[in-house]
Amino acid sequence: MSDYFEIGKKLYGKRDYSKAFEFLEKAEKSGDTKCYYLLGLFYQKGLVVKQNYITASQYFLKGAEAGDINSMVAIGISYNRGEGVEESYQKSEYWLLKARDLGSIIAERALEELWGIR
């Protein structure tokens, strides 16, 4: 596996979005599934690329299916809001429960919102 993801992640943290995106795309091409969440954020926020919720949600779903907890939360919230995907309470709950069970506090809070507890 390449170091493209780690380099892209560091550049993202430094807000060097253009270079980060390049390295994350290279990570994806090399088969590194860890890049999906950050690539999704680029499209969700419109960083370096045109904002596109559909593409963002596709990346989040790929990441979630690969077992990434941040992607699970992101796609769960996307389903709840209907951002880039058809709104679905069941799919939102499914991914948020999965992330919560893996220890995500953010997923727990999103579930409380989904269930009307907060």
N, C-alpha and C. Protein backbone atom coordinates (compact mmCIF):
# COMPACT_ATOMS: atom_id res chain seq x y z
N MET A 1 0.85 -1.19 0.00
CA MET A 1 0.00 0.00 0.00
C MET A 1 0.89 1.25 0.00
N SER A 2 0.46 2.24 -0.67
CA SER A 2 1.25 3.47 -0.81
C SER A 2 1.10 4.38 0.41
N ASP A 3 1.92 5.39 0.44
CA ASP A 3 1.82 6.42 1.47
C ASP A 3 1.00 7.61 1.01
N TYR A 4 0.40 7.49 -0.15
CA TYR A 4 -0.36 8.60 -0.70
C TYR A 4 -1.42 9.12 0.27
N PHE A 5 -2.13 8.19 0.92
CA PHE A 5 -3.18 8.62 1.84
C PHE A 5 -2.61 9.44 2.99
N GLU A 6 -1.54 8.94 3.60
CA GLU A 6 -0.95 9.65 4.75
C GLU A 6 -0.46 11.03 4.36
N ILE A 7 0.14 11.14 3.19
CA ILE A 7 0.61 12.45 2.71
C ILE A 7 -0.59 13.36 2.47
N GLY A 8 -1.63 12.83 1.79
CA GLY A 8 -2.83 13.61 1.53
C GLY A 8 -3.52 14.06 2.80
N LYS A 9 -3.57 13.18 3.78
CA LYS A 9 -4.19 13.50 5.07
C LYS A 9 -3.44 14.63 5.78
N LYS A 10 -2.11 14.55 5.76
CA LYS A 10 -1.30 15.61 6.38
C LYS A 10 -1.49 16.94 5.67
N LEU A 11 -1.50 16.91 4.35
CA LEU A 11 -1.71 18.14 3.59
C LEU A 11 -3.10 18.71 3.82
N TYR A 12 -4.09 17.85 3.97
CA TYR A 12 -5.45 18.30 4.28
C TYR A 12 -5.45 19.03 5.63
N GLY A 13 -4.78 18.43 6.59
CA GLY A 13 -4.69 19.05 7.92
C GLY A 13 -4.00 20.40 7.89
N LYS A 14 -3.08 20.58 6.94
CA LYS A 14 -2.39 21.85 6.78
C LYS A 14 -3.15 22.81 5.86
N ARG A 15 -4.31 22.37 5.42
CA ARG A 15 -5.18 23.15 4.53
C ARG A 15 -4.58 23.43 3.15
N ASP A 16 -3.66 22.56 2.75
CA ASP A 16 -3.12 22.64 1.39
C ASP A 16 -3.99 21.71 0.54
N TYR A 17 -5.19 22.18 0.26
CA TYR A 17 -6.23 21.34 -0.33
C TYR A 17 -5.90 20.85 -1.74
N SER A 18 -5.27 21.68 -2.55
CA SER A 18 -4.96 21.26 -3.92
C SER A 18 -4.03 20.06 -3.92
N LYS A 19 -2.94 20.14 -3.17
CA LYS A 19 -1.99 19.03 -3.12
C LYS A 19 -2.61 17.83 -2.40
N ALA A 20 -3.37 18.09 -1.35
CA ALA A 20 -4.02 16.99 -0.62
C ALA A 20 -4.92 16.19 -1.55
N PHE A 21 -5.70 16.90 -2.35
CA PHE A 21 -6.62 16.23 -3.27
C PHE A 21 -5.85 15.36 -4.27
N GLU A 22 -4.75 15.88 -4.77
CA GLU A 22 -3.93 15.11 -5.71
C GLU A 22 -3.46 13.79 -5.09
N PHE A 23 -2.96 13.87 -3.87
CA PHE A 23 -2.45 12.67 -3.21
C PHE A 23 -3.58 11.70 -2.84
N LEU A 24 -4.73 12.23 -2.47
CA LEU A 24 -5.86 11.36 -2.14
C LEU A 24 -6.38 10.66 -3.38
N GLU A 25 -6.37 11.35 -4.52
CA GLU A 25 -6.76 10.69 -5.77
C GLU A 25 -5.77 9.58 -6.13
N LYS A 26 -4.49 9.83 -5.90
CA LYS A 26 -3.48 8.79 -6.13
C LYS A 26 -3.70 7.61 -5.19
N ALA A 27 -4.07 7.90 -3.96
CA ALA A 27 -4.36 6.84 -2.99
C ALA A 27 -5.52 5.99 -3.47
N GLU A 28 -6.56 6.64 -3.98
CA GLU A 28 -7.72 5.90 -4.49
C GLU A 28 -7.31 5.01 -5.66
N LYS A 29 -6.52 5.56 -6.57
CA LYS A 29 -6.09 4.78 -7.74
C LYS A 29 -5.21 3.60 -7.35
N SER A 30 -4.52 3.72 -6.22
CA SER A 30 -3.66 2.63 -5.76
C SER A 30 -4.45 1.60 -4.94
N GLY A 31 -5.75 1.85 -4.74
CA GLY A 31 -6.60 0.90 -4.03
C GLY A 31 -6.71 1.11 -2.54
N ASP A 32 -6.27 2.26 -2.06
CA ASP A 32 -6.32 2.55 -0.63
C ASP A 32 -7.71 3.09 -0.26
N THR A 33 -8.48 2.29 0.46
CA THR A 33 -9.86 2.66 0.79
C THR A 33 -9.96 3.72 1.89
N LYS A 34 -8.86 4.00 2.58
CA LYS A 34 -8.90 5.00 3.65
C LYS A 34 -9.14 6.41 3.12
N CYS A 35 -8.95 6.61 1.83
CA CYS A 35 -9.06 7.95 1.24
C CYS A 35 -10.50 8.39 1.02
N TYR A 36 -11.46 7.47 1.04
CA TYR A 36 -12.83 7.80 0.64
C TYR A 36 -13.48 8.89 1.48
N TYR A 37 -13.27 8.86 2.79
CA TYR A 37 -13.90 9.86 3.64
C TYR A 37 -13.42 11.26 3.28
N LEU A 38 -12.09 11.44 3.18
CA LEU A 38 -11.58 12.77 2.86
C LEU A 38 -11.98 13.22 1.46
N LEU A 39 -11.97 12.31 0.50
CA LEU A 39 -12.43 12.68 -0.84
C LEU A 39 -13.89 13.12 -0.79
N GLY A 40 -14.68 12.43 0.00
CA GLY A 40 -16.08 12.82 0.17
C GLY A 40 -16.20 14.23 0.73
N LEU A 41 -15.34 14.56 1.70
CA LEU A 41 -15.37 15.91 2.27
C LEU A 41 -15.05 16.98 1.23
N PHE A 42 -14.11 16.68 0.34
CA PHE A 42 -13.78 17.64 -0.72
C PHE A 42 -15.02 17.99 -1.53
N TYR A 43 -15.78 16.97 -1.89
CA TYR A 43 -16.98 17.21 -2.70
C TYR A 43 -18.12 17.79 -1.87
N GLN A 44 -18.25 17.37 -0.63
CA GLN A 44 -19.30 17.91 0.22
C GLN A 44 -19.11 19.41 0.47
N LYS A 45 -17.87 19.80 0.70
CA LYS A 45 -17.57 21.19 1.04
C LYS A 45 -17.20 22.05 -0.17
N GLY A 46 -16.99 21.42 -1.32
CA GLY A 46 -16.58 22.17 -2.50
C GLY A 46 -15.16 22.70 -2.40
N LEU A 47 -14.27 21.89 -1.85
CA LEU A 47 -12.86 22.27 -1.73
C LEU A 47 -12.11 21.81 -2.97
N VAL A 48 -11.57 22.71 -3.74
CA VAL A 48 -10.78 22.43 -4.94
C VAL A 48 -11.64 21.90 -6.09
N VAL A 49 -12.76 21.30 -5.79
CA VAL A 49 -13.69 20.76 -6.78
C VAL A 49 -15.04 21.44 -6.59
N LYS A 50 -15.87 21.33 -7.61
CA LYS A 50 -17.22 21.89 -7.49
C LYS A 50 -18.01 21.08 -6.47
N GLN A 51 -18.73 21.76 -5.58
CA GLN A 51 -19.52 21.07 -4.57
C GLN A 51 -20.51 20.13 -5.24
N ASN A 52 -20.52 18.89 -4.76
CA ASN A 52 -21.39 17.88 -5.36
C ASN A 52 -21.75 16.86 -4.29
N TYR A 53 -22.95 16.97 -3.76
CA TYR A 53 -23.38 16.07 -2.68
C TYR A 53 -23.53 14.63 -3.15
N ILE A 54 -23.86 14.43 -4.40
CA ILE A 54 -24.00 13.07 -4.92
C ILE A 54 -22.65 12.36 -4.90
N THR A 55 -21.64 13.01 -5.45
CA THR A 55 -20.30 12.42 -5.45
C THR A 55 -19.79 12.24 -4.02
N ALA A 56 -20.04 13.22 -3.17
CA ALA A 56 -19.63 13.11 -1.76
C ALA A 56 -20.25 11.88 -1.12
N SER A 57 -21.54 11.70 -1.31
CA SER A 57 -22.21 10.57 -0.68
C SER A 57 -21.74 9.23 -1.26
N GLN A 58 -21.36 9.23 -2.54
CA GLN A 58 -20.82 8.00 -3.13
C GLN A 58 -19.50 7.62 -2.46
N TYR A 59 -18.66 8.61 -2.22
CA TYR A 59 -17.40 8.34 -1.51
C TYR A 59 -17.66 7.91 -0.07
N PHE A 60 -18.59 8.59 0.60
CA PHE A 60 -18.89 8.21 1.98
C PHE A 60 -19.40 6.77 2.06
N LEU A 61 -20.25 6.39 1.11
CA LEU A 61 -20.79 5.03 1.11
C LEU A 61 -19.69 4.00 0.86
N LYS A 62 -18.81 4.29 -0.09
CA LYS A 62 -17.67 3.39 -0.34
C LYS A 62 -16.84 3.21 0.92
N GLY A 63 -16.56 4.32 1.59
CA GLY A 63 -15.77 4.27 2.81
C GLY A 63 -16.47 3.50 3.92
N ALA A 64 -17.78 3.73 4.05
CA ALA A 64 -18.56 3.03 5.07
C ALA A 64 -18.56 1.53 4.81
N GLU A 65 -18.75 1.16 3.56
CA GLU A 65 -18.75 -0.26 3.21
C GLU A 65 -17.39 -0.91 3.43
N ALA A 66 -16.33 -0.08 3.37
CA ALA A 66 -14.97 -0.58 3.62
C ALA A 66 -14.64 -0.61 5.11
N GLY A 67 -15.59 -0.13 5.95
CA GLY A 67 -15.40 -0.20 7.40
C GLY A 67 -14.91 1.06 8.07
N ASP A 68 -14.86 2.18 7.34
CA ASP A 68 -14.39 3.44 7.92
C ASP A 68 -15.48 4.10 8.76
N ILE A 69 -15.19 4.31 10.03
CA ILE A 69 -16.18 4.84 10.97
C ILE A 69 -16.62 6.27 10.61
N ASN A 70 -15.68 7.12 10.17
CA ASN A 70 -16.05 8.49 9.79
C ASN A 70 -16.97 8.50 8.58
N SER A 71 -16.71 7.60 7.65
CA SER A 71 -17.58 7.49 6.47
C SER A 71 -18.97 7.00 6.85
N MET A 72 -19.03 6.10 7.84
CA MET A 72 -20.33 5.61 8.31
C MET A 72 -21.16 6.75 8.88
N VAL A 73 -20.53 7.58 9.67
CA VAL A 73 -21.23 8.74 10.24
C VAL A 73 -21.67 9.69 9.13
N ALA A 74 -20.76 9.96 8.20
CA ALA A 74 -21.05 10.91 7.12
C ALA A 74 -22.20 10.42 6.24
N ILE A 75 -22.20 9.14 5.87
CA ILE A 75 -23.29 8.65 5.01
C ILE A 75 -24.59 8.57 5.81
N GLY A 76 -24.48 8.25 7.09
CA GLY A 76 -25.68 8.23 7.94
C GLY A 76 -26.34 9.60 8.01
N ILE A 77 -25.53 10.62 8.18
CA ILE A 77 -26.05 11.99 8.23
C ILE A 77 -26.57 12.40 6.85
N SER A 78 -25.88 11.98 5.79
CA SER A 78 -26.35 12.28 4.43
C SER A 78 -27.73 11.69 4.18
N TYR A 79 -27.93 10.44 4.61
CA TYR A 79 -29.26 9.82 4.45
C TYR A 79 -30.31 10.55 5.28
N ASN A 80 -29.95 10.99 6.46
CA ASN A 80 -30.89 11.71 7.30
C ASN A 80 -31.31 13.03 6.66
N ARG A 81 -30.38 13.72 6.04
CA ARG A 81 -30.65 15.03 5.44
C ARG A 81 -31.07 14.95 3.98
N GLY A 82 -30.89 13.79 3.36
CA GLY A 82 -31.18 13.67 1.94
C GLY A 82 -30.19 14.43 1.08
N GLU A 83 -28.95 14.49 1.53
CA GLU A 83 -27.90 15.21 0.79
C GLU A 83 -27.15 14.23 -0.12
N GLY A 84 -27.44 14.30 -1.40
CA GLY A 84 -26.76 13.46 -2.38
C GLY A 84 -27.34 12.06 -2.50
N VAL A 85 -28.24 11.73 -1.63
CA VAL A 85 -28.93 10.44 -1.62
C VAL A 85 -30.39 10.69 -1.28
N GLU A 86 -31.22 9.72 -1.59
CA GLU A 86 -32.62 9.85 -1.20
C GLU A 86 -32.71 9.75 0.31
N GLU A 87 -33.47 10.65 0.91
CA GLU A 87 -33.63 10.64 2.36
C GLU A 87 -34.16 9.29 2.82
N SER A 88 -33.53 8.72 3.84
CA SER A 88 -33.94 7.41 4.33
C SER A 88 -33.61 7.29 5.82
N TYR A 89 -34.66 7.28 6.62
CA TYR A 89 -34.50 7.11 8.07
C TYR A 89 -33.81 5.78 8.36
N GLN A 90 -34.24 4.72 7.69
CA GLN A 90 -33.71 3.38 7.95
C GLN A 90 -32.22 3.28 7.62
N LYS A 91 -31.82 3.80 6.47
CA LYS A 91 -30.40 3.75 6.08
C LYS A 91 -29.57 4.64 6.98
N SER A 92 -30.12 5.78 7.34
CA SER A 92 -29.42 6.68 8.26
C SER A 92 -29.18 5.97 9.59
N GLU A 93 -30.23 5.40 10.13
CA GLU A 93 -30.11 4.70 11.41
C GLU A 93 -29.14 3.52 11.32
N TYR A 94 -29.20 2.77 10.23
CA TYR A 94 -28.32 1.61 10.04
C TYR A 94 -26.85 2.02 10.16
N TRP A 95 -26.44 3.05 9.39
CA TRP A 95 -25.03 3.45 9.38
C TRP A 95 -24.63 4.12 10.68
N LEU A 96 -25.52 4.90 11.26
CA LEU A 96 -25.18 5.56 12.51
C LEU A 96 -25.07 4.56 13.66
N LEU A 97 -25.93 3.55 13.68
CA LEU A 97 -25.82 2.50 14.70
C LEU A 97 -24.51 1.73 14.55
N LYS A 98 -24.15 1.44 13.32
CA LYS A 98 -22.89 0.73 13.06
C LYS A 98 -21.71 1.54 13.58
N ALA A 99 -21.70 2.83 13.29
CA ALA A 99 -20.62 3.71 13.75
C ALA A 99 -20.62 3.84 15.28
N ARG A 100 -21.81 3.97 15.85
CA ARG A 100 -21.91 4.06 17.31
C ARG A 100 -21.36 2.80 17.97
N ASP A 101 -21.70 1.66 17.40
CA ASP A 101 -21.23 0.39 17.95
C ASP A 101 -19.72 0.24 17.86
N LEU A 102 -19.11 1.00 16.96
CA LEU A 102 -17.65 1.00 16.84
C LEU A 102 -17.02 2.08 17.71
N GLY A 103 -17.86 2.83 18.43
CA GLY A 103 -17.36 3.80 19.40
C GLY A 103 -17.47 5.26 19.03
N SER A 104 -18.22 5.60 18.00
CA SER A 104 -18.32 7.00 17.58
C SER A 104 -19.31 7.78 18.44
N ILE A 105 -18.80 8.78 19.11
CA ILE A 105 -19.65 9.67 19.92
C ILE A 105 -20.48 10.57 18.99
N ILE A 106 -19.89 10.95 17.87
CA ILE A 106 -20.62 11.78 16.89
C ILE A 106 -21.84 11.02 16.38
N ALA A 107 -21.68 9.72 16.13
CA ALA A 107 -22.81 8.91 15.68
C ALA A 107 -23.88 8.84 16.76
N GLU A 108 -23.47 8.73 18.01
CA GLU A 108 -24.43 8.70 19.12
C GLU A 108 -25.26 9.97 19.15
N ARG A 109 -24.60 11.09 18.98
CA ARG A 109 -25.32 12.38 18.97
C ARG A 109 -26.24 12.50 17.76
N ALA A 110 -25.78 12.02 16.62
CA ALA A 110 -26.62 12.07 15.41
C ALA A 110 -27.84 11.16 15.58
N LEU A 111 -27.66 10.02 16.25
CA LEU A 111 -28.81 9.14 16.51
C LEU A 111 -29.81 9.80 17.44
N GLU A 112 -29.32 10.49 18.45
CA GLU A 112 -30.23 11.21 19.36
C GLU A 112 -31.05 12.24 18.58
N GLU A 113 -30.41 12.91 17.66
CA GLU A 113 -31.12 13.88 16.82
C GLU A 113 -32.14 13.18 15.93
N LEU A 114 -31.70 12.06 15.33
CA LEU A 114 -32.57 11.28 14.44
C LEU A 114 -33.80 10.78 15.21
N TRP A 115 -33.60 10.33 16.43
CA TRP A 115 -34.68 9.79 17.24
C TRP A 115 -35.49 10.86 17.97
N GLY A 116 -35.09 12.13 17.82
CA GLY A 116 -35.82 13.22 18.46
C GLY A 116 -35.56 13.36 19.93
N ILE A 117 -34.43 12.85 20.40
CA ILE A 117 -34.09 12.92 21.83
C ILE A 117 -33.49 14.28 22.17
N ARG A 118 -32.82 14.90 21.20
CA ARG A 118 -32.19 16.20 21.47
C ARG A 118 -32.98 17.31 20.84
